[in-house]
Amino acid sequence: MGTCLPRSRLLRKSGSYFGGDELELTIVHNIMEKEKTNHFIFHVARILAAVILLQTLYFKFTGSPESVYIFSKVGMEPWGRFAVGTAELIAGVLLLVRPTVWLGALMALGLMAGALMMHFTLLGIEVENDKGYLFVLACLVTVSTAYALWHDRQLATVTISAWRKRFT
């Protein structure tokens, strides 16, 4: 997604492929390598976010003491724990399915905005002597999903436009 030109236009000069000078070929090669790197980072980011979101479900759904404490402190126990857990489950699955990554990233960003606000206002960075572990996980998911959403911004725009045309 790094460049808007199709590969065939990047490699073409005066109607012939690979007919350019060394500098042009080097530039084309660098663009293609950058796209590969961005694509790799995108997959790492979305999988990292999904794993973190799905891993924390165990603690929310089994009622671990730390989860109960957190949601009691913010006044959302037990219904909030199950609602947030269900939303994180949906976001995690959407992040793993390629065409819906942007939707899962958007959903996870909203959830993490809420989690970070709770850390900044009611919970503090460190919760029950975890040395900020949950806060760091929330930050990792926020950064990862922000990158995934940025990477898939064109797909999101096209999909939303198609939905608008279909439902209006």
N, C-alpha and C. Protein backbone atom coordinates (compact mmCIF):
# COMPACT_ATOMS: atom_id res chain seq x y z
N MET A 1 0.81 -1.19 0.00
CA MET A 1 0.00 0.00 0.00
C MET A 1 0.86 1.26 0.00
N GLY A 2 2.16 1.12 -0.06
CA GLY A 2 3.05 2.24 0.03
C GLY A 2 2.92 3.20 -1.13
N THR A 3 2.70 2.70 -2.33
CA THR A 3 2.60 3.56 -3.50
C THR A 3 1.31 3.25 -4.23
N CYS A 4 0.81 4.23 -4.96
CA CYS A 4 -0.45 4.05 -5.66
C CYS A 4 -0.27 3.49 -7.07
N LEU A 5 0.96 3.46 -7.56
CA LEU A 5 1.19 2.97 -8.92
C LEU A 5 1.23 1.45 -8.94
N PRO A 6 0.60 0.84 -9.95
CA PRO A 6 0.72 -0.61 -10.07
C PRO A 6 2.14 -1.00 -10.44
N ARG A 7 2.50 -2.23 -10.12
CA ARG A 7 3.84 -2.71 -10.36
C ARG A 7 4.24 -2.58 -11.83
N SER A 8 3.31 -2.83 -12.74
CA SER A 8 3.62 -2.76 -14.17
C SER A 8 4.04 -1.35 -14.57
N ARG A 9 3.43 -0.31 -13.98
CA ARG A 9 3.81 1.07 -14.31
C ARG A 9 5.14 1.45 -13.68
N LEU A 10 5.45 0.85 -12.53
CA LEU A 10 6.73 1.14 -11.90
C LEU A 10 7.89 0.60 -12.71
N LEU A 11 7.68 -0.52 -13.38
CA LEU A 11 8.76 -1.19 -14.10
C LEU A 11 8.84 -0.77 -15.56
N ARG A 12 7.89 0.02 -16.05
CA ARG A 12 7.83 0.36 -17.46
C ARG A 12 8.51 1.71 -17.71
N LYS A 13 9.30 1.76 -18.77
CA LYS A 13 9.86 3.04 -19.21
C LYS A 13 9.82 3.04 -20.73
N SER A 14 9.17 4.02 -21.26
CA SER A 14 9.03 4.17 -22.71
C SER A 14 8.44 2.92 -23.35
N GLY A 15 7.50 2.29 -22.69
CA GLY A 15 6.80 1.14 -23.26
C GLY A 15 7.52 -0.18 -23.10
N SER A 16 8.74 -0.22 -22.64
CA SER A 16 9.44 -1.50 -22.50
C SER A 16 9.78 -1.74 -21.03
N TYR A 17 9.71 -2.98 -20.62
CA TYR A 17 10.03 -3.32 -19.24
C TYR A 17 11.53 -3.42 -19.07
N PHE A 18 12.00 -2.99 -17.92
CA PHE A 18 13.42 -3.06 -17.56
C PHE A 18 14.32 -2.37 -18.58
N GLY A 19 13.77 -1.43 -19.32
CA GLY A 19 14.57 -0.74 -20.31
C GLY A 19 15.23 0.51 -19.76
N GLY A 20 15.01 0.79 -18.46
CA GLY A 20 15.54 2.00 -17.87
C GLY A 20 16.98 1.88 -17.44
N ASP A 21 17.48 2.97 -16.93
CA ASP A 21 18.85 2.97 -16.47
C ASP A 21 18.95 2.34 -15.09
N GLU A 22 20.17 2.21 -14.59
CA GLU A 22 20.41 1.56 -13.30
C GLU A 22 19.73 2.31 -12.15
N LEU A 23 19.74 3.64 -12.21
CA LEU A 23 19.13 4.42 -11.14
C LEU A 23 17.64 4.16 -11.05
N GLU A 24 16.96 4.11 -12.19
CA GLU A 24 15.52 3.84 -12.19
C GLU A 24 15.23 2.46 -11.62
N LEU A 25 16.00 1.47 -12.01
CA LEU A 25 15.79 0.11 -11.50
C LEU A 25 16.05 0.05 -10.00
N THR A 26 17.03 0.79 -9.52
CA THR A 26 17.31 0.82 -8.09
C THR A 26 16.15 1.45 -7.33
N ILE A 27 15.60 2.52 -7.87
CA ILE A 27 14.47 3.18 -7.22
C ILE A 27 13.27 2.24 -7.18
N VAL A 28 12.98 1.58 -8.27
CA VAL A 28 11.87 0.63 -8.32
C VAL A 28 12.09 -0.48 -7.32
N HIS A 29 13.30 -1.00 -7.25
CA HIS A 29 13.63 -2.08 -6.31
C HIS A 29 13.43 -1.60 -4.88
N ASN A 30 13.86 -0.38 -4.57
CA ASN A 30 13.71 0.16 -3.21
C ASN A 30 12.24 0.33 -2.84
N ILE A 31 11.43 0.79 -3.78
CA ILE A 31 9.99 0.94 -3.52
C ILE A 31 9.36 -0.42 -3.22
N MET A 32 9.71 -1.42 -4.01
CA MET A 32 9.14 -2.75 -3.82
C MET A 32 9.61 -3.35 -2.49
N GLU A 33 10.85 -3.13 -2.11
CA GLU A 33 11.35 -3.63 -0.82
C GLU A 33 10.63 -2.94 0.33
N LYS A 34 10.38 -1.64 0.21
CA LYS A 34 9.67 -0.91 1.25
C LYS A 34 8.25 -1.44 1.41
N GLU A 35 7.59 -1.74 0.28
CA GLU A 35 6.25 -2.30 0.34
C GLU A 35 6.25 -3.66 1.04
N LYS A 36 7.25 -4.48 0.77
CA LYS A 36 7.35 -5.79 1.43
C LYS A 36 7.53 -5.60 2.93
N THR A 37 8.37 -4.65 3.32
CA THR A 37 8.60 -4.39 4.74
C THR A 37 7.33 -3.89 5.40
N ASN A 38 6.63 -2.95 4.78
CA ASN A 38 5.38 -2.44 5.33
C ASN A 38 4.34 -3.54 5.47
N HIS A 39 4.29 -4.43 4.48
CA HIS A 39 3.34 -5.54 4.52
C HIS A 39 3.67 -6.49 5.67
N PHE A 40 4.95 -6.76 5.88
CA PHE A 40 5.38 -7.63 6.97
C PHE A 40 5.03 -7.00 8.32
N ILE A 41 5.32 -5.71 8.48
CA ILE A 41 5.00 -5.01 9.73
C ILE A 41 3.50 -5.03 9.98
N PHE A 42 2.71 -4.86 8.93
CA PHE A 42 1.25 -4.90 9.04
C PHE A 42 0.79 -6.23 9.61
N HIS A 43 1.31 -7.33 9.06
CA HIS A 43 0.89 -8.65 9.55
C HIS A 43 1.34 -8.89 10.98
N VAL A 44 2.54 -8.48 11.32
CA VAL A 44 3.03 -8.62 12.70
C VAL A 44 2.15 -7.80 13.64
N ALA A 45 1.83 -6.59 13.26
CA ALA A 45 1.02 -5.70 14.11
C ALA A 45 -0.37 -6.27 14.35
N ARG A 46 -1.03 -6.73 13.29
CA ARG A 46 -2.40 -7.22 13.47
C ARG A 46 -2.43 -8.52 14.25
N ILE A 47 -1.45 -9.39 14.03
CA ILE A 47 -1.42 -10.66 14.77
C ILE A 47 -1.05 -10.42 16.24
N LEU A 48 -0.11 -9.50 16.49
CA LEU A 48 0.24 -9.17 17.87
C LEU A 48 -0.97 -8.64 18.63
N ALA A 49 -1.70 -7.72 18.02
CA ALA A 49 -2.89 -7.15 18.67
C ALA A 49 -3.94 -8.23 18.91
N ALA A 50 -4.17 -9.10 17.92
CA ALA A 50 -5.16 -10.16 18.07
C ALA A 50 -4.77 -11.12 19.19
N VAL A 51 -3.51 -11.50 19.25
CA VAL A 51 -3.05 -12.43 20.29
C VAL A 51 -3.24 -11.82 21.67
N ILE A 52 -2.87 -10.56 21.83
CA ILE A 52 -3.04 -9.91 23.13
C ILE A 52 -4.51 -9.83 23.51
N LEU A 53 -5.36 -9.41 22.56
CA LEU A 53 -6.79 -9.31 22.85
C LEU A 53 -7.38 -10.67 23.21
N LEU A 54 -7.04 -11.70 22.46
CA LEU A 54 -7.62 -13.03 22.69
C LEU A 54 -7.04 -13.68 23.95
N GLN A 55 -5.78 -13.41 24.26
CA GLN A 55 -5.15 -14.00 25.44
C GLN A 55 -5.78 -13.46 26.73
N THR A 56 -6.15 -12.20 26.74
CA THR A 56 -6.71 -11.62 27.95
C THR A 56 -8.15 -12.06 28.21
N LEU A 57 -8.79 -12.69 27.23
CA LEU A 57 -10.17 -13.15 27.41
C LEU A 57 -10.29 -14.18 28.52
N TYR A 58 -9.29 -15.03 28.63
CA TYR A 58 -9.32 -16.06 29.67
C TYR A 58 -9.55 -15.43 31.05
N PHE A 59 -8.85 -14.36 31.32
CA PHE A 59 -8.95 -13.71 32.63
C PHE A 59 -10.29 -13.02 32.82
N LYS A 60 -10.82 -12.45 31.74
CA LYS A 60 -12.12 -11.77 31.85
C LYS A 60 -13.26 -12.77 32.03
N PHE A 61 -13.25 -13.84 31.24
CA PHE A 61 -14.37 -14.77 31.28
C PHE A 61 -14.32 -15.74 32.45
N THR A 62 -13.15 -15.98 33.03
CA THR A 62 -13.07 -16.89 34.19
C THR A 62 -13.19 -16.14 35.51
N GLY A 63 -13.25 -14.82 35.44
CA GLY A 63 -13.42 -14.04 36.66
C GLY A 63 -12.18 -14.02 37.53
N SER A 64 -11.03 -13.86 36.92
CA SER A 64 -9.80 -13.81 37.71
C SER A 64 -9.87 -12.62 38.67
N PRO A 65 -9.23 -12.75 39.84
CA PRO A 65 -9.32 -11.67 40.84
C PRO A 65 -8.89 -10.30 40.30
N GLU A 66 -7.88 -10.27 39.45
CA GLU A 66 -7.42 -8.99 38.91
C GLU A 66 -8.49 -8.36 38.02
N SER A 67 -9.13 -9.16 37.17
CA SER A 67 -10.20 -8.63 36.31
C SER A 67 -11.38 -8.15 37.14
N VAL A 68 -11.75 -8.94 38.13
CA VAL A 68 -12.87 -8.54 38.99
C VAL A 68 -12.53 -7.23 39.70
N TYR A 69 -11.30 -7.11 40.19
CA TYR A 69 -10.88 -5.87 40.86
C TYR A 69 -10.97 -4.68 39.92
N ILE A 70 -10.44 -4.83 38.71
CA ILE A 70 -10.42 -3.73 37.74
C ILE A 70 -11.83 -3.27 37.41
N PHE A 71 -12.70 -4.21 37.08
CA PHE A 71 -14.05 -3.83 36.67
C PHE A 71 -14.90 -3.38 37.86
N SER A 72 -14.60 -3.86 39.07
CA SER A 72 -15.28 -3.35 40.27
C SER A 72 -14.87 -1.91 40.53
N LYS A 73 -13.59 -1.63 40.36
CA LYS A 73 -13.06 -0.28 40.60
C LYS A 73 -13.68 0.75 39.65
N VAL A 74 -13.95 0.35 38.42
CA VAL A 74 -14.54 1.29 37.45
C VAL A 74 -16.07 1.21 37.43
N GLY A 75 -16.65 0.37 38.30
CA GLY A 75 -18.10 0.28 38.43
C GLY A 75 -18.79 -0.48 37.32
N MET A 76 -18.11 -1.47 36.75
CA MET A 76 -18.69 -2.22 35.63
C MET A 76 -18.67 -3.73 35.86
N GLU A 77 -18.58 -4.16 37.08
CA GLU A 77 -18.51 -5.60 37.38
C GLU A 77 -19.91 -6.12 37.64
N PRO A 78 -20.35 -7.23 37.11
CA PRO A 78 -19.71 -8.16 36.19
C PRO A 78 -20.08 -7.91 34.73
N TRP A 79 -21.15 -7.14 34.50
CA TRP A 79 -21.65 -6.97 33.14
C TRP A 79 -20.59 -6.35 32.22
N GLY A 80 -19.83 -5.39 32.70
CA GLY A 80 -18.82 -4.72 31.89
C GLY A 80 -17.69 -5.66 31.50
N ARG A 81 -17.33 -6.54 32.43
CA ARG A 81 -16.26 -7.50 32.15
C ARG A 81 -16.65 -8.42 31.00
N PHE A 82 -17.90 -8.90 31.02
CA PHE A 82 -18.36 -9.78 29.94
C PHE A 82 -18.58 -9.01 28.63
N ALA A 83 -19.09 -7.79 28.72
CA ALA A 83 -19.32 -6.99 27.51
C ALA A 83 -17.99 -6.62 26.84
N VAL A 84 -17.03 -6.17 27.63
CA VAL A 84 -15.72 -5.82 27.08
C VAL A 84 -15.02 -7.07 26.54
N GLY A 85 -15.14 -8.18 27.26
CA GLY A 85 -14.55 -9.44 26.80
C GLY A 85 -15.14 -9.89 25.47
N THR A 86 -16.44 -9.78 25.33
CA THR A 86 -17.09 -10.15 24.07
C THR A 86 -16.67 -9.24 22.93
N ALA A 87 -16.60 -7.94 23.22
CA ALA A 87 -16.15 -7.00 22.19
C ALA A 87 -14.69 -7.26 21.79
N GLU A 88 -13.84 -7.60 22.76
CA GLU A 88 -12.45 -7.92 22.45
C GLU A 88 -12.34 -9.22 21.66
N LEU A 89 -13.21 -10.17 21.94
CA LEU A 89 -13.24 -11.41 21.16
C LEU A 89 -13.58 -11.12 19.69
N ILE A 90 -14.59 -10.31 19.48
CA ILE A 90 -14.99 -9.96 18.11
C ILE A 90 -13.87 -9.20 17.41
N ALA A 91 -13.27 -8.22 18.09
CA ALA A 91 -12.18 -7.44 17.49
C ALA A 91 -10.99 -8.33 17.17
N GLY A 92 -10.65 -9.26 18.07
CA GLY A 92 -9.53 -10.16 17.84
C GLY A 92 -9.74 -11.06 16.63
N VAL A 93 -10.95 -11.57 16.48
CA VAL A 93 -11.25 -12.43 15.33
C VAL A 93 -11.23 -11.60 14.04
N LEU A 94 -11.79 -10.40 14.07
CA LEU A 94 -11.78 -9.54 12.88
C LEU A 94 -10.35 -9.19 12.46
N LEU A 95 -9.45 -9.03 13.43
CA LEU A 95 -8.05 -8.74 13.12
C LEU A 95 -7.36 -9.91 12.43
N LEU A 96 -7.84 -11.10 12.66
CA LEU A 96 -7.21 -12.29 12.06
C LEU A 96 -7.73 -12.60 10.66
N VAL A 97 -8.91 -12.09 10.32
CA VAL A 97 -9.50 -12.34 9.01
C VAL A 97 -9.12 -11.17 8.10
N ARG A 98 -8.38 -11.44 7.05
CA ARG A 98 -7.74 -10.39 6.24
C ARG A 98 -8.69 -9.30 5.74
N PRO A 99 -9.85 -9.60 5.17
CA PRO A 99 -10.68 -8.49 4.66
C PRO A 99 -11.29 -7.61 5.75
N THR A 100 -11.30 -8.08 7.01
CA THR A 100 -11.94 -7.32 8.07
C THR A 100 -10.94 -6.74 9.07
N VAL A 101 -9.67 -6.73 8.72
CA VAL A 101 -8.65 -6.22 9.64
C VAL A 101 -8.94 -4.78 10.03
N TRP A 102 -9.31 -3.95 9.07
CA TRP A 102 -9.55 -2.54 9.36
C TRP A 102 -10.69 -2.37 10.36
N LEU A 103 -11.72 -3.20 10.26
CA LEU A 103 -12.86 -3.11 11.17
C LEU A 103 -12.46 -3.57 12.58
N GLY A 104 -11.70 -4.66 12.65
CA GLY A 104 -11.20 -5.12 13.94
C GLY A 104 -10.25 -4.12 14.57
N ALA A 105 -9.43 -3.47 13.74
CA ALA A 105 -8.50 -2.47 14.26
C ALA A 105 -9.26 -1.26 14.79
N LEU A 106 -10.29 -0.84 14.07
CA LEU A 106 -11.10 0.29 14.52
C LEU A 106 -11.80 -0.04 15.84
N MET A 107 -12.32 -1.23 15.92
CA MET A 107 -13.01 -1.67 17.14
C MET A 107 -12.02 -1.76 18.31
N ALA A 108 -10.85 -2.35 18.06
CA ALA A 108 -9.84 -2.48 19.11
C ALA A 108 -9.32 -1.12 19.56
N LEU A 109 -9.19 -0.18 18.62
CA LEU A 109 -8.76 1.17 19.00
C LEU A 109 -9.77 1.81 19.96
N GLY A 110 -11.05 1.63 19.69
CA GLY A 110 -12.07 2.16 20.59
C GLY A 110 -12.00 1.51 21.97
N LEU A 111 -11.83 0.20 21.98
CA LEU A 111 -11.72 -0.50 23.26
C LEU A 111 -10.49 -0.05 24.04
N MET A 112 -9.37 0.10 23.34
CA MET A 112 -8.13 0.51 24.01
C MET A 112 -8.19 1.96 24.46
N ALA A 113 -8.93 2.80 23.74
CA ALA A 113 -9.12 4.18 24.20
C ALA A 113 -9.83 4.17 25.55
N GLY A 114 -10.84 3.31 25.69
CA GLY A 114 -11.53 3.17 26.96
C GLY A 114 -10.62 2.62 28.05
N ALA A 115 -9.83 1.61 27.71
CA ALA A 115 -8.91 1.02 28.69
C ALA A 115 -7.87 2.04 29.15
N LEU A 116 -7.31 2.78 28.21
CA LEU A 116 -6.30 3.77 28.58
C LEU A 116 -6.90 4.91 29.41
N MET A 117 -8.13 5.31 29.08
CA MET A 117 -8.79 6.33 29.89
C MET A 117 -9.02 5.85 31.31
N MET A 118 -9.37 4.58 31.47
CA MET A 118 -9.54 4.03 32.82
C MET A 118 -8.21 4.01 33.58
N HIS A 119 -7.13 3.68 32.86
CA HIS A 119 -5.82 3.69 33.50
C HIS A 119 -5.43 5.10 33.92
N PHE A 120 -5.70 6.08 33.08
CA PHE A 120 -5.30 7.46 33.37
C PHE A 120 -6.17 8.11 34.44
N THR A 121 -7.43 7.68 34.57
CA THR A 121 -8.34 8.36 35.49
C THR A 121 -8.60 7.58 36.78
N LEU A 122 -9.00 6.33 36.69
CA LEU A 122 -9.44 5.59 37.87
C LEU A 122 -8.45 4.55 38.39
N LEU A 123 -7.75 3.88 37.49
CA LEU A 123 -6.93 2.74 37.91
C LEU A 123 -5.48 3.10 38.22
N GLY A 124 -4.93 4.00 37.45
CA GLY A 124 -3.51 4.28 37.54
C GLY A 124 -2.76 3.35 36.58
N ILE A 125 -1.48 3.63 36.38
CA ILE A 125 -0.68 2.83 35.45
C ILE A 125 -0.47 1.43 36.00
N GLU A 126 -0.18 1.34 37.28
CA GLU A 126 0.06 0.05 37.92
C GLU A 126 -1.22 -0.41 38.62
N VAL A 127 -1.66 -1.63 38.27
CA VAL A 127 -2.88 -2.18 38.85
C VAL A 127 -2.51 -3.44 39.63
N GLU A 128 -2.80 -3.43 40.92
CA GLU A 128 -2.54 -4.60 41.78
C GLU A 128 -1.11 -5.12 41.62
N ASN A 129 -0.14 -4.22 41.70
CA ASN A 129 1.29 -4.57 41.66
C ASN A 129 1.70 -5.30 40.38
N ASP A 130 1.11 -4.96 39.25
CA ASP A 130 1.50 -5.61 37.98
C ASP A 130 2.64 -4.88 37.28
N LYS A 131 3.16 -3.82 37.90
CA LYS A 131 4.28 -3.03 37.36
C LYS A 131 3.94 -2.42 36.00
N GLY A 132 2.66 -2.13 35.77
CA GLY A 132 2.23 -1.49 34.53
C GLY A 132 2.06 -2.43 33.36
N TYR A 133 2.03 -3.74 33.62
CA TYR A 133 1.95 -4.73 32.54
C TYR A 133 0.69 -4.56 31.69
N LEU A 134 -0.46 -4.40 32.33
CA LEU A 134 -1.72 -4.24 31.58
C LEU A 134 -1.73 -2.93 30.80
N PHE A 135 -1.14 -1.90 31.37
CA PHE A 135 -1.04 -0.61 30.68
C PHE A 135 -0.18 -0.75 29.42
N VAL A 136 0.95 -1.44 29.55
CA VAL A 136 1.84 -1.64 28.40
C VAL A 136 1.13 -2.46 27.31
N LEU A 137 0.39 -3.50 27.72
CA LEU A 137 -0.36 -4.29 26.73
C LEU A 137 -1.38 -3.42 26.00
N ALA A 138 -2.07 -2.56 26.73
CA ALA A 138 -3.05 -1.66 26.10
C ALA A 138 -2.35 -0.71 25.12
N CYS A 139 -1.18 -0.23 25.50
CA CYS A 139 -0.42 0.65 24.59
C CYS A 139 0.03 -0.11 23.34
N LEU A 140 0.50 -1.35 23.51
CA LEU A 140 0.92 -2.16 22.37
C LEU A 140 -0.24 -2.41 21.40
N VAL A 141 -1.39 -2.75 21.95
CA VAL A 141 -2.56 -2.99 21.09
C VAL A 141 -2.97 -1.70 20.39
N THR A 142 -2.90 -0.58 21.08
CA THR A 142 -3.26 0.71 20.47
C THR A 142 -2.34 1.03 19.30
N VAL A 143 -1.04 0.92 19.50
CA VAL A 143 -0.09 1.24 18.43
C VAL A 143 -0.23 0.25 17.28
N SER A 144 -0.35 -1.04 17.60
CA SER A 144 -0.47 -2.07 16.55
C SER A 144 -1.72 -1.89 15.71
N THR A 145 -2.84 -1.65 16.36
CA THR A 145 -4.09 -1.51 15.61
C THR A 145 -4.15 -0.18 14.86
N ALA A 146 -3.51 0.85 15.40
CA ALA A 146 -3.45 2.13 14.66
C ALA A 146 -2.67 1.93 13.37
N TYR A 147 -1.56 1.19 13.43
CA TYR A 147 -0.79 0.92 12.22
C TYR A 147 -1.59 0.06 11.24
N ALA A 148 -2.26 -0.97 11.75
CA ALA A 148 -3.05 -1.85 10.88
C ALA A 148 -4.17 -1.06 10.20
N LEU A 149 -4.82 -0.18 10.94
CA LEU A 149 -5.88 0.64 10.35
C LEU A 149 -5.31 1.59 9.32
N TRP A 150 -4.17 2.21 9.61
CA TRP A 150 -3.53 3.11 8.65
C TRP A 150 -3.14 2.34 7.38
N HIS A 151 -2.60 1.14 7.54
CA HIS A 151 -2.17 0.33 6.40
C HIS A 151 -3.36 -0.06 5.53
N ASP A 152 -4.50 -0.34 6.15
CA ASP A 152 -5.70 -0.79 5.42
C ASP A 152 -6.69 0.35 5.16
N ARG A 153 -6.25 1.58 5.21
CA ARG A 153 -7.16 2.72 5.07
C ARG A 153 -7.89 2.74 3.73
N GLN A 154 -7.22 2.32 2.66
CA GLN A 154 -7.88 2.32 1.35
C GLN A 154 -8.99 1.27 1.30
N LEU A 155 -8.72 0.09 1.84
CA LEU A 155 -9.75 -0.96 1.88
C LEU A 155 -10.93 -0.51 2.73
N ALA A 156 -10.66 0.16 3.84
CA ALA A 156 -11.74 0.65 4.70
C ALA A 156 -12.59 1.67 3.95
N THR A 157 -11.95 2.57 3.24
CA THR A 157 -12.68 3.61 2.49
C THR A 157 -13.56 3.00 1.41
N VAL A 158 -13.00 2.06 0.67
CA VAL A 158 -13.75 1.41 -0.40
C VAL A 158 -14.93 0.63 0.18
N THR A 159 -14.70 -0.09 1.26
CA THR A 159 -15.76 -0.90 1.87
C THR A 159 -16.89 -0.02 2.40
N ILE A 160 -16.53 1.05 3.09
CA ILE A 160 -17.55 1.96 3.63
C ILE A 160 -18.34 2.60 2.49
N SER A 161 -17.67 2.99 1.42
CA SER A 161 -18.37 3.56 0.26
C SER A 161 -19.35 2.56 -0.35
N ALA A 162 -18.92 1.32 -0.45
CA ALA A 162 -19.79 0.27 -0.99
C ALA A 162 -20.99 0.05 -0.09
N TRP A 163 -20.79 0.07 1.23
CA TRP A 163 -21.90 -0.08 2.16
C TRP A 163 -22.88 1.07 2.03
N ARG A 164 -22.36 2.28 1.88
CA ARG A 164 -23.23 3.46 1.74
C ARG A 164 -24.11 3.35 0.51
N LYS A 165 -23.50 2.94 -0.61
CA LYS A 165 -24.27 2.81 -1.84
C LYS A 165 -25.32 1.72 -1.72
N ARG A 166 -24.97 0.67 -1.01
CA ARG A 166 -25.89 -0.47 -0.91
C ARG A 166 -27.07 -0.16 -0.01
N PHE A 167 -26.83 0.56 1.08
CA PHE A 167 -27.87 0.77 2.08
C PHE A 167 -28.53 2.14 2.03
N THR A 168 -28.21 2.95 1.03
CA THR A 168 -28.89 4.25 0.95
C THR A 168 -29.59 4.39 -0.38
